[in-house]
């Protein structure tokens, strides 16, 4: 029997990678908490979210085919 070189189907691969990333994120937070305490960890996490949000919104816009969102109603729909 010949084994496929990469036996995971696309959705299984996506799930495996997502679980790995989620575990990495949780471990990053835990180790920051242990090293720096909750106040500094929260400040770092909020800075990360602020930096990441600009990137993520562009990804969502691209995925949904939206060039830009100008009004609150467009944002609400988005």
PDB file of N, CA and C in Angstrom:
ATOM      1  N   UNK A   1       0.840  -1.184   0.000  1.00  0.00           N
ATOM      2  CA  UNK A   1       0.000   0.000   0.000  1.00  0.00           C
ATOM      3  C   UNK A   1       0.885   1.247   0.000  1.00  0.00           C
ATOM      4  N   UNK A   2       0.631   2.131  -0.931  1.00  0.00           N
ATOM      5  CA  UNK A   2       1.397   3.369  -1.035  1.00  0.00           C
ATOM      6  C   UNK A   2       0.764   4.427  -0.146  1.00  0.00           C
ATOM      7  N   UNK A   3       1.575   5.020   0.696  1.00  0.00           N
ATOM      8  CA  UNK A   3       1.087   6.072   1.589  1.00  0.00           C
ATOM      9  C   UNK A   3       1.241   7.428   0.912  1.00  0.00           C
ATOM     10  N   UNK A   4       0.187   8.213   0.985  1.00  0.00           N
ATOM     11  CA  UNK A   4       0.222   9.569   0.428  1.00  0.00           C
ATOM     12  C   UNK A   4       1.291  10.358   1.165  1.00  0.00           C
ATOM     13  N   UNK A   5       2.091  11.175   0.461  1.00  0.00           N
ATOM     14  CA  UNK A   5       3.167  11.924   1.130  1.00  0.00           C
ATOM     15  C   UNK A   5       2.666  12.926   2.155  1.00  0.00           C
ATOM     16  N   UNK A   6       1.436  13.373   2.006  1.00  0.00           N
ATOM     17  CA  UNK A   6       0.883  14.312   2.974  1.00  0.00           C
ATOM     18  C   UNK A   6      -0.563  13.905   3.211  1.00  0.00           C
ATOM     19  N   UNK A   7      -0.794  13.077   4.229  1.00  0.00           N
ATOM     20  CA  UNK A   7      -2.102  12.438   4.387  1.00  0.00           C
ATOM     21  C   UNK A   7      -3.238  13.318   4.911  1.00  0.00           C
ATOM     22  N   UNK A   8      -2.964  14.557   5.264  1.00  0.00           N
ATOM     23  CA  UNK A   8      -4.030  15.414   5.791  1.00  0.00           C
ATOM     24  C   UNK A   8      -4.772  16.109   4.655  1.00  0.00           C
ATOM     25  N   UNK A   9      -6.077  16.143   4.765  1.00  0.00           N
ATOM     26  CA  UNK A   9      -6.842  16.938   3.814  1.00  0.00           C
ATOM     27  C   UNK A   9      -6.789  18.399   4.250  1.00  0.00           C
ATOM     28  N   UNK A  10      -7.193  19.293   3.362  1.00  0.00           N
ATOM     29  CA  UNK A  10      -7.052  20.733   3.599  1.00  0.00           C
ATOM     30  C   UNK A  10      -7.646  21.175   4.934  1.00  0.00           C
ATOM     31  N   UNK A  11      -8.875  20.765   5.251  1.00  0.00           N
ATOM     32  CA  UNK A  11      -9.512  21.197   6.500  1.00  0.00           C
ATOM     33  C   UNK A  11      -8.798  20.641   7.725  1.00  0.00           C
ATOM     34  N   UNK A  12      -8.278  19.426   7.628  1.00  0.00           N
ATOM     35  CA  UNK A  12      -7.524  18.859   8.748  1.00  0.00           C
ATOM     36  C   UNK A  12      -6.232  19.631   8.972  1.00  0.00           C
ATOM     37  N   UNK A  13      -5.569  20.004   7.898  1.00  0.00           N
ATOM     38  CA  UNK A  13      -4.347  20.794   8.000  1.00  0.00           C
ATOM     39  C   UNK A  13      -4.642  22.154   8.619  1.00  0.00           C
ATOM     40  N   UNK A  14      -5.715  22.811   8.146  1.00  0.00           N
ATOM     41  CA  UNK A  14      -6.094  24.110   8.714  1.00  0.00           C
ATOM     42  C   UNK A  14      -6.385  23.987  10.206  1.00  0.00           C
ATOM     43  N   UNK A  15      -7.091  22.931  10.601  1.00  0.00           N
ATOM     44  CA  UNK A  15      -7.408  22.735  12.018  1.00  0.00           C
ATOM     45  C   UNK A  15      -6.141  22.499  12.838  1.00  0.00           C
ATOM     46  N   UNK A  16      -5.220  21.689  12.316  1.00  0.00           N
ATOM     47  CA  UNK A  16      -3.971  21.418  13.017  1.00  0.00           C
ATOM     48  C   UNK A  16      -3.151  22.695  13.191  1.00  0.00           C
ATOM     49  N   UNK A  17      -3.028  23.480  12.120  1.00  0.00           N
ATOM     50  CA  UNK A  17      -2.275  24.736  12.207  1.00  0.00           C
ATOM     51  C   UNK A  17      -2.946  25.731  13.143  1.00  0.00           C
ATOM     52  N   UNK A  18      -4.275  25.802  13.109  1.00  0.00           N
ATOM     53  CA  UNK A  18      -5.011  26.708  13.991  1.00  0.00           C
ATOM     54  C   UNK A  18      -4.816  26.323  15.456  1.00  0.00           C
ATOM     55  N   UNK A  19      -4.902  25.035  15.750  1.00  0.00           N
ATOM     56  CA  UNK A  19      -4.685  24.587  17.136  1.00  0.00           C
ATOM     57  C   UNK A  19      -3.279  24.923  17.607  1.00  0.00           C
ATOM     58  N   UNK A  20      -2.297  24.737  16.718  1.00  0.00           N
ATOM     59  CA  UNK A  20      -0.915  25.076  17.076  1.00  0.00           C
ATOM     60  C   UNK A  20      -0.759  26.551  17.372  1.00  0.00           C
ATOM     61  N   UNK A  21      -1.368  27.392  16.523  1.00  0.00           N
ATOM     62  CA  UNK A  21      -1.268  28.839  16.737  1.00  0.00           C
ATOM     63  C   UNK A  21      -1.982  29.263  18.018  1.00  0.00           C
ATOM     64  N   UNK A  22      -3.150  28.694  18.277  1.00  0.00           N
ATOM     65  CA  UNK A  22      -3.904  29.031  19.489  1.00  0.00           C
ATOM     66  C   UNK A  22      -3.122  28.612  20.732  1.00  0.00           C
ATOM     67  N   UNK A  23      -2.473  27.451  20.678  1.00  0.00           N
ATOM     68  CA  UNK A  23      -1.658  26.996  21.807  1.00  0.00           C
ATOM     69  C   UNK A  23      -0.462  27.917  21.993  1.00  0.00           C
ATOM     70  N   UNK A  24       0.164  28.319  20.885  1.00  0.00           N
ATOM     71  CA  UNK A  24       1.287  29.253  20.972  1.00  0.00           C
ATOM     72  C   UNK A  24       0.850  30.554  21.633  1.00  0.00           C
ATOM     73  N   UNK A  25      -0.292  31.083  21.227  1.00  0.00           N
ATOM     74  CA  UNK A  25      -0.799  32.333  21.783  1.00  0.00           C
ATOM     75  C   UNK A  25      -1.057  32.198  23.282  1.00  0.00           C
ATOM     76  N   UNK A  26      -1.671  31.100  23.680  1.00  0.00           N
ATOM     77  CA  UNK A  26      -1.952  30.879  25.105  1.00  0.00           C
ATOM     78  C   UNK A  26      -0.663  30.737  25.906  1.00  0.00           C
ATOM     79  N   UNK A  27       0.311  30.027  25.355  1.00  0.00           N
ATOM     80  CA  UNK A  27       1.584  29.843  26.061  1.00  0.00           C
ATOM     81  C   UNK A  27       2.362  31.146  26.135  1.00  0.00           C
ATOM     82  N   UNK A  28       2.287  31.968  25.070  1.00  0.00           N
ATOM     83  CA  UNK A  28       2.938  33.285  25.092  1.00  0.00           C
ATOM     84  C   UNK A  28       2.359  34.117  26.231  1.00  0.00           C
ATOM     85  N   UNK A  29       1.035  34.153  26.326  1.00  0.00           N
ATOM     86  CA  UNK A  29       0.394  34.933  27.378  1.00  0.00           C
ATOM     87  C   UNK A  29       0.784  34.405  28.751  1.00  0.00           C
ATOM     88  N   UNK A  30       0.744  33.087  28.923  1.00  0.00           N
ATOM     89  CA  UNK A  30       1.076  32.469  30.211  1.00  0.00           C
ATOM     90  C   UNK A  30       2.505  32.818  30.631  1.00  0.00           C
ATOM     91  N   UNK A  31       3.462  32.687  29.714  1.00  0.00           N
ATOM     92  CA  UNK A  31       4.859  32.943  30.077  1.00  0.00           C
ATOM     93  C   UNK A  31       5.111  34.426  30.321  1.00  0.00           C
ATOM     94  N   UNK A  32       4.444  35.311  29.576  1.00  0.00           N
ATOM     95  CA  UNK A  32       4.544  36.743  29.878  1.00  0.00           C
ATOM     96  C   UNK A  32       3.982  37.025  31.265  1.00  0.00           C
ATOM     97  N   UNK A  33       2.856  36.408  31.574  1.00  0.00           N
ATOM     98  CA  UNK A  33       2.245  36.580  32.887  1.00  0.00           C
ATOM     99  C   UNK A  33       3.194  36.136  33.999  1.00  0.00           C
ATOM    100  N   UNK A  34       3.803  34.982  33.821  1.00  0.00           N
ATOM    101  CA  UNK A  34       4.746  34.474  34.823  1.00  0.00           C
ATOM    102  C   UNK A  34       5.963  35.388  34.975  1.00  0.00           C
ATOM    103  N   UNK A  35       6.445  35.903  33.849  1.00  0.00           N
ATOM    104  CA  UNK A  35       7.669  36.709  33.863  1.00  0.00           C
ATOM    105  C   UNK A  35       7.433  38.154  34.298  1.00  0.00           C
ATOM    106  N   UNK A  36       6.327  38.754  33.842  1.00  0.00           N
ATOM    107  CA  UNK A  36       6.135  40.190  34.018  1.00  0.00           C
ATOM    108  C   UNK A  36       4.947  40.596  34.874  1.00  0.00           C
ATOM    109  N   UNK A  37       4.027  39.675  35.174  1.00  0.00           N
ATOM    110  CA  UNK A  37       2.822  40.016  35.920  1.00  0.00           C
ATOM    111  C   UNK A  37       1.690  40.428  34.988  1.00  0.00           C
ATOM    112  N   UNK A  38       0.490  40.495  35.545  1.00  0.00           N
ATOM    113  CA  UNK A  38      -0.697  40.726  34.726  1.00  0.00           C
ATOM    114  C   UNK A  38      -0.757  42.120  34.115  1.00  0.00           C
ATOM    115  N   UNK A  39      -0.316  43.162  34.846  1.00  0.00           N
ATOM    116  CA  UNK A  39      -0.424  44.517  34.315  1.00  0.00           C
ATOM    117  C   UNK A  39       0.424  44.690  33.059  1.00  0.00           C
ATOM    118  N   UNK A  40       1.687  44.301  33.125  1.00  0.00           N
ATOM    119  CA  UNK A  40       2.571  44.456  31.972  1.00  0.00           C
ATOM    120  C   UNK A  40       2.144  43.517  30.841  1.00  0.00           C
ATOM    121  N   UNK A  41       1.740  42.310  31.170  1.00  0.00           N
ATOM    122  CA  UNK A  41       1.277  41.368  30.152  1.00  0.00           C
ATOM    123  C   UNK A  41       0.072  41.934  29.417  1.00  0.00           C
ATOM    124  N   UNK A  42      -0.866  42.527  30.144  1.00  0.00           N
ATOM    125  CA  UNK A  42      -2.035  43.128  29.496  1.00  0.00           C
ATOM    126  C   UNK A  42      -1.650  44.308  28.612  1.00  0.00           C
ATOM    127  N   UNK A  43      -0.690  45.116  29.051  1.00  0.00           N
ATOM    128  CA  UNK A  43      -0.227  46.240  28.225  1.00  0.00           C
ATOM    129  C   UNK A  43       0.396  45.729  26.928  1.00  0.00           C
ATOM    130  N   UNK A  44       1.229  44.691  27.028  1.00  0.00           N
ATOM    131  CA  UNK A  44       1.850  44.103  25.841  1.00  0.00           C
ATOM    132  C   UNK A  44       0.784  43.505  24.936  1.00  0.00           C
ATOM    133  N   UNK A  45      -0.165  42.795  25.509  1.00  0.00           N
ATOM    134  CA  UNK A  45      -1.231  42.164  24.732  1.00  0.00           C
ATOM    135  C   UNK A  45      -2.082  43.207  24.013  1.00  0.00           C
ATOM    136  N   UNK A  46      -2.418  44.302  24.683  1.00  0.00           N
ATOM    137  CA  UNK A  46      -3.202  45.362  24.053  1.00  0.00           C
ATOM    138  C   UNK A  46      -2.424  46.019  22.916  1.00  0.00           C
ATOM    139  N   UNK A  47      -1.115  46.205  23.092  1.00  0.00           N
ATOM    140  CA  UNK A  47      -0.284  46.766  22.024  1.00  0.00           C
ATOM    141  C   UNK A  47      -0.264  45.812  20.830  1.00  0.00           C
ATOM    142  N   UNK A  48      -0.194  44.533  21.109  1.00  0.00           N
ATOM    143  CA  UNK A  48      -0.219  43.525  20.052  1.00  0.00           C
ATOM    144  C   UNK A  48      -1.538  43.574  19.283  1.00  0.00           C
ATOM    145  N   UNK A  49      -2.633  43.643  20.011  1.00  0.00           N
ATOM    146  CA  UNK A  49      -3.955  43.702  19.376  1.00  0.00           C
ATOM    147  C   UNK A  49      -4.071  44.944  18.506  1.00  0.00           C
ATOM    148  N   UNK A  50      -3.603  46.074  19.006  1.00  0.00           N
ATOM    149  CA  UNK A  50      -3.665  47.318  18.236  1.00  0.00           C
ATOM    150  C   UNK A  50      -2.858  47.199  16.953  1.00  0.00           C
ATOM    151  N   UNK A  51      -1.667  46.637  17.040  1.00  0.00           N
ATOM    152  CA  UNK A  51      -0.829  46.469  15.859  1.00  0.00           C
ATOM    153  C   UNK A  51      -1.441  45.477  14.878  1.00  0.00           C
ATOM    154  N   UNK A  52      -1.970  44.406  15.398  1.00  0.00           N
ATOM    155  CA  UNK A  52      -2.509  43.341  14.557  1.00  0.00           C
ATOM    156  C   UNK A  52      -3.824  43.731  13.896  1.00  0.00           C
ATOM    157  N   UNK A  53      -4.610  44.573  14.538  1.00  0.00           N
ATOM    158  CA  UNK A  53      -5.937  44.889  14.004  1.00  0.00           C
ATOM    159  C   UNK A  53      -5.867  45.542  12.628  1.00  0.00           C
ATOM    160  N   UNK A  54      -4.878  46.383  12.382  1.00  0.00           N
ATOM    161  CA  UNK A  54      -4.740  47.023  11.071  1.00  0.00           C
ATOM    162  C   UNK A  54      -4.466  45.981   9.986  1.00  0.00           C
ATOM    163  N   UNK A  55      -3.706  44.969  10.319  1.00  0.00           N
ATOM    164  CA  UNK A  55      -3.404  43.892   9.371  1.00  0.00           C
ATOM    165  C   UNK A  55      -4.634  43.030   9.162  1.00  0.00           C
ATOM    166  N   UNK A  56      -5.295  42.668  10.246  1.00  0.00           N
ATOM    167  CA  UNK A  56      -6.450  41.774  10.171  1.00  0.00           C
ATOM    168  C   UNK A  56      -7.613  42.399   9.398  1.00  0.00           C
ATOM    169  N   UNK A  57      -7.861  43.685   9.597  1.00  0.00           N
ATOM    170  CA  UNK A  57      -8.985  44.312   8.905  1.00  0.00           C
ATOM    171  C   UNK A  57      -8.758  44.273   7.404  1.00  0.00           C
ATOM    172  N   UNK A  58      -7.512  44.461   6.965  1.00  0.00           N
ATOM    173  CA  UNK A  58      -7.201  44.386   5.533  1.00  0.00           C
ATOM    174  C   UNK A  58      -7.438  42.973   5.007  1.00  0.00           C
ATOM    175  N   UNK A  59      -7.112  41.961   5.795  1.00  0.00           N
ATOM    176  CA  UNK A  59      -7.355  40.575   5.382  1.00  0.00           C
ATOM    177  C   UNK A  59      -8.851  40.306   5.240  1.00  0.00           C
ATOM    178  N   UNK A  60      -9.637  40.781   6.196  1.00  0.00           N
ATOM    179  CA  UNK A  60     -11.089  40.586   6.122  1.00  0.00           C
ATOM    180  C   UNK A  60     -11.673  41.313   4.909  1.00  0.00           C
ATOM    181  N   UNK A  61     -11.206  42.544   4.688  1.00  0.00           N
ATOM    182  CA  UNK A  61     -11.694  43.294   3.536  1.00  0.00           C
ATOM    183  C   UNK A  61     -11.381  42.554   2.235  1.00  0.00           C
ATOM    184  N   UNK A  62     -10.167  42.047   2.117  1.00  0.00           N
ATOM    185  CA  UNK A  62      -9.779  41.315   0.915  1.00  0.00           C
ATOM    186  C   UNK A  62     -10.626  40.057   0.755  1.00  0.00           C
ATOM    187  N   UNK A  63     -10.799  39.313   1.839  1.00  0.00           N
ATOM    188  CA  UNK A  63     -11.568  38.071   1.793  1.00  0.00           C
ATOM    189  C   UNK A  63     -13.022  38.327   1.409  1.00  0.00           C
ATOM    190  N   UNK A  64     -13.566  39.466   1.834  1.00  0.00           N
ATOM    191  CA  UNK A  64     -14.962  39.795   1.552  1.00  0.00           C
ATOM    192  C   UNK A  64     -15.139  40.674   0.320  1.00  0.00           C
ATOM    193  N   UNK A  65     -14.029  41.031  -0.314  1.00  0.00           N
ATOM    194  CA  UNK A  65     -14.113  41.833  -1.524  1.00  0.00           C
ATOM    195  C   UNK A  65     -14.503  43.275  -1.295  1.00  0.00           C
ATOM    196  N   UNK A  66     -14.132  43.838  -0.153  1.00  0.00           N
ATOM    197  CA  UNK A  66     -14.431  45.240   0.156  1.00  0.00           C
ATOM    198  C   UNK A  66     -13.159  46.064   0.035  1.00  0.00           C
ATOM    199  N   UNK A  67     -13.209  47.085  -0.824  1.00  0.00           N
ATOM    200  CA  UNK A  67     -12.037  47.937  -0.969  1.00  0.00           C
ATOM    201  C   UNK A  67     -11.829  48.821   0.250  1.00  0.00           C
ATOM    202  N   UNK A  68     -12.907  49.481   0.672  1.00  0.00           N
ATOM    203  CA  UNK A  68     -12.810  50.323   1.861  1.00  0.00           C
ATOM    204  C   UNK A  68     -14.190  50.489   2.478  1.00  0.00           C
ATOM    205  N   UNK A  69     -14.171  50.894   3.718  1.00  0.00           N
ATOM    206  CA  UNK A  69     -15.408  51.132   4.473  1.00  0.00           C
ATOM    207  C   UNK A  69     -15.367  52.587   4.908  1.00  0.00           C
ATOM    208  N   UNK A  70     -16.329  53.387   4.425  1.00  0.00           N
ATOM    209  CA  UNK A  70     -16.308  54.821   4.691  1.00  0.00           C
ATOM    210  C   UNK A  70     -17.306  55.285   5.743  1.00  0.00           C
ATOM    211  N   UNK A  71     -18.436  54.609   5.845  1.00  0.00           N
ATOM    212  CA  UNK A  71     -19.480  55.072   6.756  1.00  0.00           C
ATOM    213  C   UNK A  71     -19.725  54.050   7.859  1.00  0.00           C
ATOM    214  N   UNK A  72     -20.400  54.500   8.906  1.00  0.00           N
ATOM    215  CA  UNK A  72     -20.725  53.591  10.001  1.00  0.00           C
ATOM    216  C   UNK A  72     -21.644  52.479   9.521  1.00  0.00           C
ATOM    217  N   UNK A  73     -22.592  52.805   8.654  1.00  0.00           N
ATOM    218  CA  UNK A  73     -23.487  51.773   8.124  1.00  0.00           C
ATOM    219  C   UNK A  73     -22.713  50.723   7.337  1.00  0.00           C
ATOM    220  N   UNK A  74     -21.719  51.163   6.549  1.00  0.00           N
ATOM    221  CA  UNK A  74     -20.874  50.206   5.834  1.00  0.00           C
ATOM    222  C   UNK A  74     -20.087  49.350   6.823  1.00  0.00           C
ATOM    223  N   UNK A  75     -19.592  49.973   7.868  1.00  0.00           N
ATOM    224  CA  UNK A  75     -18.867  49.230   8.908  1.00  0.00           C
ATOM    225  C   UNK A  75     -19.778  48.218   9.581  1.00  0.00           C
ATOM    226  N   UNK A  76     -20.979  48.653   9.912  1.00  0.00           N
ATOM    227  CA  UNK A  76     -21.948  47.757  10.557  1.00  0.00           C
ATOM    228  C   UNK A  76     -22.241  46.565   9.655  1.00  0.00           C
ATOM    229  N   UNK A  77     -22.419  46.817   8.382  1.00  0.00           N
ATOM    230  CA  UNK A  77     -22.662  45.743   7.431  1.00  0.00           C
ATOM    231  C   UNK A  77     -21.434  44.838   7.312  1.00  0.00           C
ATOM    232  N   UNK A  78     -20.259  45.453   7.311  1.00  0.00           N
ATOM    233  CA  UNK A  78     -18.995  44.725   7.229  1.00  0.00           C
ATOM    234  C   UNK A  78     -18.859  43.786   8.396  1.00  0.00           C
TER     235      UNK A  78
END
